[in-house]
C-alpha atoms as a PDB file:
ATOM      1  CA  UNK A   1      -0.013   0.019   0.029  1.00  0.00           C
ATOM      2  CA  UNK A   2       1.108   3.545  -0.680  1.00  0.00           C
ATOM      3  CA  UNK A   3       0.886   6.817   1.300  1.00  0.00           C
ATOM      4  CA  UNK A   4       1.663  10.181  -0.124  1.00  0.00           C
ATOM      5  CA  UNK A   5       3.567  13.123   1.501  1.00  0.00           C
ATOM      6  CA  UNK A   6       3.460  15.574  -1.401  1.00  0.00           C
ATOM      7  CA  UNK A   7       5.502  14.040  -4.112  1.00  0.00           C
ATOM      8  CA  UNK A   8       6.996  11.482  -1.799  1.00  0.00           C
ATOM      9  CA  UNK A   9       5.323   8.094  -1.870  1.00  0.00           C
ATOM     10  CA  UNK A  10       5.741   5.700   1.145  1.00  0.00           C
ATOM     11  CA  UNK A  11       5.228   1.943   0.856  1.00  0.00           C
ATOM     12  CA  UNK A  12       3.450   0.604   3.991  1.00  0.00           C
ATOM     13  CA  UNK A  13       2.010  -2.622   5.185  1.00  0.00           C
ATOM     14  CA  UNK A  14      -0.360  -3.741   7.992  1.00  0.00           C
ATOM     15  CA  UNK A  15      -0.095  -7.003   9.935  1.00  0.00           C
ATOM     16  CA  UNK A  16      -2.076  -8.393  12.779  1.00  0.00           C
ATOM     17  CA  UNK A  17      -5.063  -6.781  14.595  1.00  0.00           C
ATOM     18  CA  UNK A  18      -5.732  -4.894  17.803  1.00  0.00           C
ATOM     19  CA  UNK A  19      -4.437  -1.535  19.099  1.00  0.00           C
ATOM     20  CA  UNK A  20      -2.197   0.011  16.361  1.00  0.00           C
ATOM     21  CA  UNK A  21       1.592   0.076  16.598  1.00  0.00           C
ATOM     22  CA  UNK A  22       3.744   2.046  14.108  1.00  0.00           C
ATOM     23  CA  UNK A  23       7.275   0.806  13.484  1.00  0.00           C
ATOM     24  CA  UNK A  24       9.894   3.121  12.248  1.00  0.00           C
ATOM     25  CA  UNK A  25      13.201   1.715  11.295  1.00  0.00           C
ATOM     26  CA  UNK A  26      16.836   3.033  11.056  1.00  0.00           C
ATOM     27  CA  UNK A  27      19.454   3.966   8.523  1.00  0.00           C
ATOM     28  CA  UNK A  28      19.781   1.685   5.516  1.00  0.00           C
ATOM     29  CA  UNK A  29      16.942  -0.841   6.730  1.00  0.00           C
ATOM     30  CA  UNK A  30      13.620  -1.219   5.104  1.00  0.00           C
ATOM     31  CA  UNK A  31      10.461  -2.522   6.805  1.00  0.00           C
ATOM     32  CA  UNK A  32      11.966  -6.008   6.371  1.00  0.00           C
ATOM     33  CA  UNK A  33      14.348  -5.124   9.150  1.00  0.00           C
ATOM     34  CA  UNK A  34      11.577  -5.515  11.736  1.00  0.00           C
ATOM     35  CA  UNK A  35      10.847  -9.019  10.819  1.00  0.00           C
ATOM     36  CA  UNK A  36      11.589 -10.705  14.339  1.00  0.00           C
ATOM     37  CA  UNK A  37       9.648  -7.978  16.251  1.00  0.00           C
ATOM     38  CA  UNK A  38       6.790  -7.443  13.840  1.00  0.00           C
ATOM     39  CA  UNK A  39       5.764 -11.144  13.783  1.00  0.00           C
ATOM     40  CA  UNK A  40       5.604 -11.344  17.522  1.00  0.00           C
ATOM     41  CA  UNK A  41       3.794  -7.934  18.051  1.00  0.00           C
ATOM     42  CA  UNK A  42       1.278  -8.915  15.318  1.00  0.00           C
ATOM     43  CA  UNK A  43      -0.115 -11.583  17.766  1.00  0.00           C
ATOM     44  CA  UNK A  44      -1.444  -8.787  20.079  1.00  0.00           C
ATOM     45  CA  UNK A  45      -1.465  -5.567  17.927  1.00  0.00           C
ATOM     46  CA  UNK A  46      -2.230  -4.192  14.511  1.00  0.00           C
ATOM     47  CA  UNK A  47       1.243  -3.477  13.273  1.00  0.00           C
ATOM     48  CA  UNK A  48       2.158  -0.861  10.540  1.00  0.00           C
ATOM     49  CA  UNK A  49       5.595  -0.938   9.052  1.00  0.00           C
ATOM     50  CA  UNK A  50       6.931   1.099   6.129  1.00  0.00           C
ATOM     51  CA  UNK A  51       9.907   1.839   4.095  1.00  0.00           C
ATOM     52  CA  UNK A  52      11.415   5.222   5.027  1.00  0.00           C
ATOM     53  CA  UNK A  53      11.954   7.649   2.137  1.00  0.00           C
ATOM     54  CA  UNK A  54      15.219   6.739   0.448  1.00  0.00           C
ATOM     55  CA  UNK A  55      14.879   3.000   0.743  1.00  0.00           C
ATOM     56  CA  UNK A  56      12.854  -0.147  -0.427  1.00  0.00           C
ATOM     57  CA  UNK A  57       9.808   0.577  -2.421  1.00  0.00           C
ATOM     58  CA  UNK A  58       9.337   4.207  -1.082  1.00  0.00           C
ATOM     59  CA  UNK A  59      10.509   7.188  -3.092  1.00  0.00           C
ATOM     60  CA  UNK A  60      14.027   8.462  -3.002  1.00  0.00           C
ATOM     61  CA  UNK A  61      13.855  12.256  -3.234  1.00  0.00           C
ATOM     62  CA  UNK A  62      17.076  14.267  -3.488  1.00  0.00           C
ATOM     63  CA  UNK A  63      18.749  14.773   0.004  1.00  0.00           C
ATOM     64  CA  UNK A  64      19.646  15.654   2.520  1.00  0.00           C
ATOM     65  CA  UNK A  65      16.651  14.623   4.512  1.00  0.00           C
ATOM     66  CA  UNK A  66      15.819  15.712   7.966  1.00  0.00           C
ATOM     67  CA  UNK A  67      14.151  13.629  10.709  1.00  0.00           C
ATOM     68  CA  UNK A  68      11.301  16.018  10.815  1.00  0.00           C
ATOM     69  CA  UNK A  69      10.619  15.301   7.020  1.00  0.00           C
ATOM     70  CA  UNK A  70      10.733  11.603   7.823  1.00  0.00           C
ATOM     71  CA  UNK A  71       8.326  12.195  10.650  1.00  0.00           C
ATOM     72  CA  UNK A  72       5.832  13.821   8.237  1.00  0.00           C
ATOM     73  CA  UNK A  73       6.108  10.723   6.121  1.00  0.00           C
ATOM     74  CA  UNK A  74       5.094   8.666   9.216  1.00  0.00           C
ATOM     75  CA  UNK A  75       2.148  10.915   9.714  1.00  0.00           C
ATOM     76  CA  UNK A  76       1.093  10.244   5.958  1.00  0.00           C
ATOM     77  CA  UNK A  77       1.192   6.648   6.676  1.00  0.00           C
ATOM     78  CA  UNK A  78      -1.100   7.065   9.695  1.00  0.00           C
ATOM     79  CA  UNK A  79      -3.355   9.057   7.465  1.00  0.00           C
ATOM     80  CA  UNK A  80      -3.421   6.447   4.867  1.00  0.00           C
ATOM     81  CA  UNK A  81      -4.165   3.754   7.499  1.00  0.00           C
ATOM     82  CA  UNK A  82      -7.023   6.002   8.560  1.00  0.00           C
ATOM     83  CA  UNK A  83      -5.514   6.092  12.182  1.00  0.00           C
ATOM     84  CA  UNK A  84      -6.011   9.151  14.381  1.00  0.00           C
ATOM     85  CA  UNK A  85      -3.335   7.734  16.838  1.00  0.00           C
ATOM     86  CA  UNK A  86      -0.893   5.013  17.249  1.00  0.00           C
ATOM     87  CA  UNK A  87       1.792   3.516  19.584  1.00  0.00           C
ATOM     88  CA  UNK A  88       5.104   4.381  17.991  1.00  0.00           C
ATOM     89  CA  UNK A  89       8.275   2.279  18.177  1.00  0.00           C
ATOM     90  CA  UNK A  90      11.311   3.701  16.570  1.00  0.00           C
ATOM     91  CA  UNK A  91      14.853   2.245  16.463  1.00  0.00           C
ATOM     92  CA  UNK A  92      18.163   4.169  15.827  1.00  0.00           C
ATOM     93  CA  UNK A  93      17.453   6.711  13.159  1.00  0.00           C
ATOM     94  CA  UNK A  94      13.914   5.715  13.355  1.00  0.00           C
ATOM     95  CA  UNK A  95      14.086   6.540  17.083  1.00  0.00           C
ATOM     96  CA  UNK A  96      15.079  10.033  16.039  1.00  0.00           C
ATOM     97  CA  UNK A  97      12.104  10.196  13.559  1.00  0.00           C
ATOM     98  CA  UNK A  98       9.818   9.080  16.351  1.00  0.00           C
ATOM     99  CA  UNK A  99      11.061  11.910  18.619  1.00  0.00           C
ATOM    100  CA  UNK A 100      10.242  14.406  15.801  1.00  0.00           C
ATOM    101  CA  UNK A 101       6.886  12.803  15.394  1.00  0.00           C
ATOM    102  CA  UNK A 102       6.007  13.028  19.041  1.00  0.00           C
ATOM    103  CA  UNK A 103       7.115  16.645  19.280  1.00  0.00           C
ATOM    104  CA  UNK A 104       5.599  17.839  15.937  1.00  0.00           C
ATOM    105  CA  UNK A 105       2.389  15.834  16.022  1.00  0.00           C
ATOM    106  CA  UNK A 106       1.754  14.881  19.723  1.00  0.00           C
ATOM    107  CA  UNK A 107      -1.950  14.147  19.032  1.00  0.00           C
ATOM    108  CA  UNK A 108      -1.015  11.262  16.741  1.00  0.00           C
ATOM    109  CA  UNK A 109       0.951   9.360  19.395  1.00  0.00           C
ATOM    110  CA  UNK A 110      -0.308   7.113  22.267  1.00  0.00           C
ATOM    111  CA  UNK A 111       2.765   5.509  23.893  1.00  0.00           C
ATOM    112  CA  UNK A 112       6.405   5.822  22.640  1.00  0.00           C
ATOM    113  CA  UNK A 113       9.167   3.346  22.470  1.00  0.00           C
ATOM    114  CA  UNK A 114      12.714   4.554  21.636  1.00  0.00           C
ATOM    115  CA  UNK A 115      15.292   1.861  20.877  1.00  0.00           C
ATOM    116  CA  UNK A 116      18.940   2.063  20.302  1.00  0.00           C
ATOM    117  CA  UNK A 117      18.670   5.857  19.714  1.00  0.00           C
ATOM    118  CA  UNK A 118      19.829   9.298  20.966  1.00  0.00           C
ATOM    119  CA  UNK A 119      18.542  12.700  21.784  1.00  0.00           C
ATOM    120  CA  UNK A 120      20.937  14.204  19.240  1.00  0.00           C
ATOM    121  CA  UNK A 121      24.073  16.408  19.221  1.00  0.00           C
ATOM    122  CA  UNK A 122      23.465  18.792  22.159  1.00  0.00           C
ATOM    123  CA  UNK A 123      22.527  16.176  24.858  1.00  0.00           C
ATOM    124  CA  UNK A 124      23.553  12.949  23.343  1.00  0.00           C
ATOM    125  CA  UNK A 125      26.771  10.908  23.757  1.00  0.00           C
ATOM    126  CA  UNK A 126      28.961  10.526  20.633  1.00  0.00           C
ATOM    127  CA  UNK A 127      29.136   7.424  18.510  1.00  0.00           C
ATOM    128  CA  UNK A 128      31.342   4.750  20.120  1.00  0.00           C
ATOM    129  CA  UNK A 129      35.044   4.582  18.984  1.00  0.00           C
ATOM    130  CA  UNK A 130      34.576   1.099  17.614  1.00  0.00           C
ATOM    131  CA  UNK A 131      32.120   2.192  14.975  1.00  0.00           C
ATOM    132  CA  UNK A 132      34.185   5.370  14.211  1.00  0.00           C
ATOM    133  CA  UNK A 133      37.213   3.214  13.503  1.00  0.00           C
ATOM    134  CA  UNK A 134      35.153   0.745  11.378  1.00  0.00           C
ATOM    135  CA  UNK A 135      33.691   3.503   9.302  1.00  0.00           C
ATOM    136  CA  UNK A 136      37.262   4.886   8.683  1.00  0.00           C
ATOM    137  CA  UNK A 137      38.610   1.352   7.855  1.00  0.00           C
ATOM    138  CA  UNK A 138      35.722   0.404   5.640  1.00  0.00           C
ATOM    139  CA  UNK A 139      36.825   2.762   2.789  1.00  0.00           C
ATOM    140  CA  UNK A 140      39.719   0.332   2.062  1.00  0.00           C
ATOM    141  CA  UNK A 141      37.542  -2.868   2.339  1.00  0.00           C
ATOM    142  CA  UNK A 142      35.889  -4.896  -0.346  1.00  0.00           C
ATOM    143  CA  UNK A 143      32.112  -4.124  -0.233  1.00  0.00           C
ATOM    144  CA  UNK A 144      31.145  -7.611   0.885  1.00  0.00           C
ATOM    145  CA  UNK A 145      33.656  -7.608   3.676  1.00  0.00           C
ATOM    146  CA  UNK A 146      32.570  -4.063   4.720  1.00  0.00           C
ATOM    147  CA  UNK A 147      28.914  -5.181   4.903  1.00  0.00           C
ATOM    148  CA  UNK A 148      29.724  -8.327   7.001  1.00  0.00           C
ATOM    149  CA  UNK A 149      31.799  -6.201   9.350  1.00  0.00           C
ATOM    150  CA  UNK A 150      29.099  -3.574   9.826  1.00  0.00           C
ATOM    151  CA  UNK A 151      26.582  -6.333  10.495  1.00  0.00           C
ATOM    152  CA  UNK A 152      28.777  -7.993  13.121  1.00  0.00           C
ATOM    153  CA  UNK A 153      29.495  -4.568  14.633  1.00  0.00           C
ATOM    154  CA  UNK A 154      25.602  -3.979  15.034  1.00  0.00           C
ATOM    155  CA  UNK A 155      25.216  -7.202  17.086  1.00  0.00           C
ATOM    156  CA  UNK A 156      26.457  -8.242  20.406  1.00  0.00           C
ATOM    157  CA  UNK A 157      29.482 -10.130  21.285  1.00  0.00           C
ATOM    158  CA  UNK A 158      27.676 -13.488  21.496  1.00  0.00           C
ATOM    159  CA  UNK A 159      25.727 -13.216  18.269  1.00  0.00           C
ATOM    160  CA  UNK A 160      25.702 -16.402  16.281  1.00  0.00           C
ATOM    161  CA  UNK A 161      27.367 -16.789  12.901  1.00  0.00           C
ATOM    162  CA  UNK A 162      24.072 -17.881  11.575  1.00  0.00           C
ATOM    163  CA  UNK A 163      22.367 -14.657  12.622  1.00  0.00           C
ATOM    164  CA  UNK A 164      25.043 -12.738  11.046  1.00  0.00           C
ATOM    165  CA  UNK A 165      24.709 -14.669   7.719  1.00  0.00           C
ATOM    166  CA  UNK A 166      20.836 -14.113   7.847  1.00  0.00           C
ATOM    167  CA  UNK A 167      21.139 -10.420   8.257  1.00  0.00           C
ATOM    168  CA  UNK A 168      23.933 -10.161   5.600  1.00  0.00           C
ATOM    169  CA  UNK A 169      21.718 -12.158   3.211  1.00  0.00           C
ATOM    170  CA  UNK A 170      18.828  -9.739   3.747  1.00  0.00           C
ATOM    171  CA  UNK A 171      21.067  -6.798   3.402  1.00  0.00           C
ATOM    172  CA  UNK A 172      22.409  -8.139   0.084  1.00  0.00           C
ATOM    173  CA  UNK A 173      18.839  -8.900  -1.174  1.00  0.00           C
ATOM    174  CA  UNK A 174      17.612  -5.354  -0.214  1.00  0.00           C
ATOM    175  CA  UNK A 175      20.532  -3.036  -1.123  1.00  0.00           C
ATOM    176  CA  UNK A 176      19.873   0.597  -0.029  1.00  0.00           C
ATOM    177  CA  UNK A 177      20.034   3.212  -2.796  1.00  0.00           C
ATOM    178  CA  UNK A 178      23.334   5.106  -2.350  1.00  0.00           C
ATOM    179  CA  UNK A 179      21.575   8.390  -2.637  1.00  0.00           C
ATOM    180  CA  UNK A 180      18.922   7.542  -0.272  1.00  0.00           C
ATOM    181  CA  UNK A 181      21.365   6.089   2.274  1.00  0.00           C
ATOM    182  CA  UNK A 182      23.442   9.227   2.307  1.00  0.00           C
ATOM    183  CA  UNK A 183      20.241  11.427   2.511  1.00  0.00           C
ATOM    184  CA  UNK A 184      19.163   9.377   5.541  1.00  0.00           C
ATOM    185  CA  UNK A 185      22.567   9.629   7.080  1.00  0.00           C
ATOM    186  CA  UNK A 186      22.514  13.398   6.938  1.00  0.00           C
ATOM    187  CA  UNK A 187      19.172  13.335   8.767  1.00  0.00           C
ATOM    188  CA  UNK A 188      20.824  11.379  11.626  1.00  0.00           C
ATOM    189  CA  UNK A 189      23.886  13.712  11.734  1.00  0.00           C
ATOM    190  CA  UNK A 190      21.773  16.806  11.853  1.00  0.00           C
ATOM    191  CA  UNK A 191      19.271  15.485  14.415  1.00  0.00           C
ATOM    192  CA  UNK A 192      19.114  17.445  17.807  1.00  0.00           C
ATOM    193  CA  UNK A 193      15.863  17.110  19.834  1.00  0.00           C
ATOM    194  CA  UNK A 194      17.243  17.309  23.347  1.00  0.00           C
ATOM    195  CA  UNK A 195      16.182  20.802  24.179  1.00  0.00           C
ATOM    196  CA  UNK A 196      12.686  20.043  23.031  1.00  0.00           C
ATOM    197  CA  UNK A 197      12.044  16.771  24.779  1.00  0.00           C
ATOM    198  CA  UNK A 198      10.745  18.446  27.930  1.00  0.00           C
ATOM    199  CA  UNK A 199       7.543  19.091  26.056  1.00  0.00           C
ATOM    200  CA  UNK A 200       6.834  15.317  25.759  1.00  0.00           C
ATOM    201  CA  UNK A 201       4.305  13.984  28.171  1.00  0.00           C
ATOM    202  CA  UNK A 202       3.468  10.836  26.599  1.00  0.00           C
ATOM    203  CA  UNK A 203       4.272   7.490  28.412  1.00  0.00           C
ATOM    204  CA  UNK A 204       7.717   6.583  27.034  1.00  0.00           C
ATOM    205  CA  UNK A 205       9.922   3.507  27.224  1.00  0.00           C
ATOM    206  CA  UNK A 206      13.549   3.658  26.205  1.00  0.00           C
ATOM    207  CA  UNK A 207      15.445   0.593  25.408  1.00  0.00           C
ATOM    208  CA  UNK A 208      19.169  -0.332  24.718  1.00  0.00           C
ATOM    209  CA  UNK A 209      21.200  -3.241  24.059  1.00  0.00           C
ATOM    210  CA  UNK A 210      24.066  -3.436  26.688  1.00  0.00           C
ATOM    211  CA  UNK A 211      26.687  -4.001  24.064  1.00  0.00           C
ATOM    212  CA  UNK A 212      25.479  -1.438  21.575  1.00  0.00           C
ATOM    213  CA  UNK A 213      28.590  -0.254  19.619  1.00  0.00           C
ATOM    214  CA  UNK A 214      26.786   2.045  17.246  1.00  0.00           C
ATOM    215  CA  UNK A 215      24.709   4.225  19.584  1.00  0.00           C
ATOM    216  CA  UNK A 216      26.246   4.609  23.133  1.00  0.00           C
ATOM    217  CA  UNK A 217      23.858   2.832  25.584  1.00  0.00           C
ATOM    218  CA  UNK A 218      24.102   5.795  27.912  1.00  0.00           C
ATOM    219  CA  UNK A 219      21.851   7.671  25.403  1.00  0.00           C
ATOM    220  CA  UNK A 220      18.974   5.590  26.519  1.00  0.00           C
ATOM    221  CA  UNK A 221      19.283   6.785  30.122  1.00  0.00           C
ATOM    222  CA  UNK A 222      19.867  10.329  28.860  1.00  0.00           C
ATOM    223  CA  UNK A 223      16.636  10.177  26.964  1.00  0.00           C
ATOM    224  CA  UNK A 224      14.722   8.859  29.979  1.00  0.00           C
ATOM    225  CA  UNK A 225      16.134  11.956  31.955  1.00  0.00           C
ATOM    226  CA  UNK A 226      15.029  14.275  29.309  1.00  0.00           C
ATOM    227  CA  UNK A 227      11.452  12.876  28.827  1.00  0.00           C
ATOM    228  CA  UNK A 228       9.438  13.429  32.031  1.00  0.00           C
ATOM    229  CA  UNK A 229       8.312  10.044  33.562  1.00  0.00           C
ATOM    230  CA  UNK A 230      10.017   7.810  30.827  1.00  0.00           C
ATOM    231  CA  UNK A 231      11.163   4.429  31.793  1.00  0.00           C
ATOM    232  CA  UNK A 232      14.606   2.983  30.891  1.00  0.00           C
ATOM    233  CA  UNK A 233      15.297  -0.595  30.061  1.00  0.00           C
ATOM    234  CA  UNK A 234      18.261  -2.580  28.743  1.00  0.00           C
ATOM    235  CA  UNK A 235      18.550  -6.143  27.220  1.00  0.00           C
ATOM    236  CA  UNK A 236      21.567  -8.174  26.270  1.00  0.00           C
ATOM    237  CA  UNK A 237      22.845  -7.579  22.778  1.00  0.00           C
ATOM    238  CA  UNK A 238      24.032  -4.788  20.396  1.00  0.00           C
ATOM    239  CA  UNK A 239      22.324  -2.223  18.308  1.00  0.00           C
ATOM    240  CA  UNK A 240      20.122  -4.811  16.717  1.00  0.00           C
ATOM    241  CA  UNK A 241      19.278  -6.433  20.072  1.00  0.00           C
ATOM    242  CA  UNK A 242      15.741  -7.258  18.789  1.00  0.00           C
ATOM    243  CA  UNK A 243      17.287  -9.667  16.296  1.00  0.00           C
ATOM    244  CA  UNK A 244      19.292 -11.229  18.863  1.00  0.00           C
ATOM    245  CA  UNK A 245      16.759 -11.425  21.717  1.00  0.00           C
ATOM    246  CA  UNK A 246      13.357 -10.864  20.137  1.00  0.00           C
ATOM    247  CA  UNK A 247      11.286 -12.602  22.784  1.00  0.00           C
ATOM    248  CA  UNK A 248      12.952 -10.444  25.600  1.00  0.00           C
ATOM    249  CA  UNK A 249      12.488  -7.323  23.641  1.00  0.00           C
ATOM    250  CA  UNK A 250       8.827  -8.147  22.721  1.00  0.00           C
ATOM    251  CA  UNK A 251       7.847  -8.979  26.193  1.00  0.00           C
ATOM    252  CA  UNK A 252       9.236  -5.713  27.473  1.00  0.00           C
ATOM    253  CA  UNK A 253       7.384  -3.760  24.983  1.00  0.00           C
ATOM    254  CA  UNK A 254       4.105  -5.543  25.426  1.00  0.00           C
ATOM    255  CA  UNK A 255       4.359  -5.126  29.162  1.00  0.00           C
ATOM    256  CA  UNK A 256       4.743  -1.331  28.531  1.00  0.00           C
ATOM    257  CA  UNK A 257       2.027  -1.009  25.883  1.00  0.00           C
ATOM    258  CA  UNK A 258      -0.842  -2.903  27.644  1.00  0.00           C
END
């Protein structure tokens, strides 16, 4: 199904039934990146997932993008689904988009779950050194090696080789458009919501993987401090902890949403 935000078309899908949950993924991942969590949440909720602008079956307009523009895309999806409000779950860049959504369109959000994300430059902690080094080293690697290294880096220390292979295969089968990837990355770099989060009054849960090497786990606690009444939780694993421990993450989200 398609939603329109001006000239930008967003591909979205609905799965399950019950109270609506909108999923917003991060840099370089389409809606397929929610597979372990979406299937589990759909047992209890009506789950809406979509491809952000710049990836998958959605439009790739010229960049750079902003998280606020991407949040407007999410609102267009809610409109297309004929939903006044939804619980919103965002991870990584998607968590930044979710923050812009709840700040700019508070009436469209019930409960908010922010995973593996940051409040942005002013109040957030910088990217961990391991990822900074990998980004520098990747320019001299073969593309296949670089992709595999980035997937390993996004998982925890105990992630199985089989899980690495599964995610690498999905990434190869769903390559991001280079223009869209760069435009999304620009949105992440420019994002800064910390000084505006004090206006958020929605019930909020922040979740991190204890071994996240992409977004410093301390950002989860920082978000909980900036959003009044927010809860903070951690689970084992890395930046993609819901691929490593989908049952634990799903259980914590369901406990919060019901």
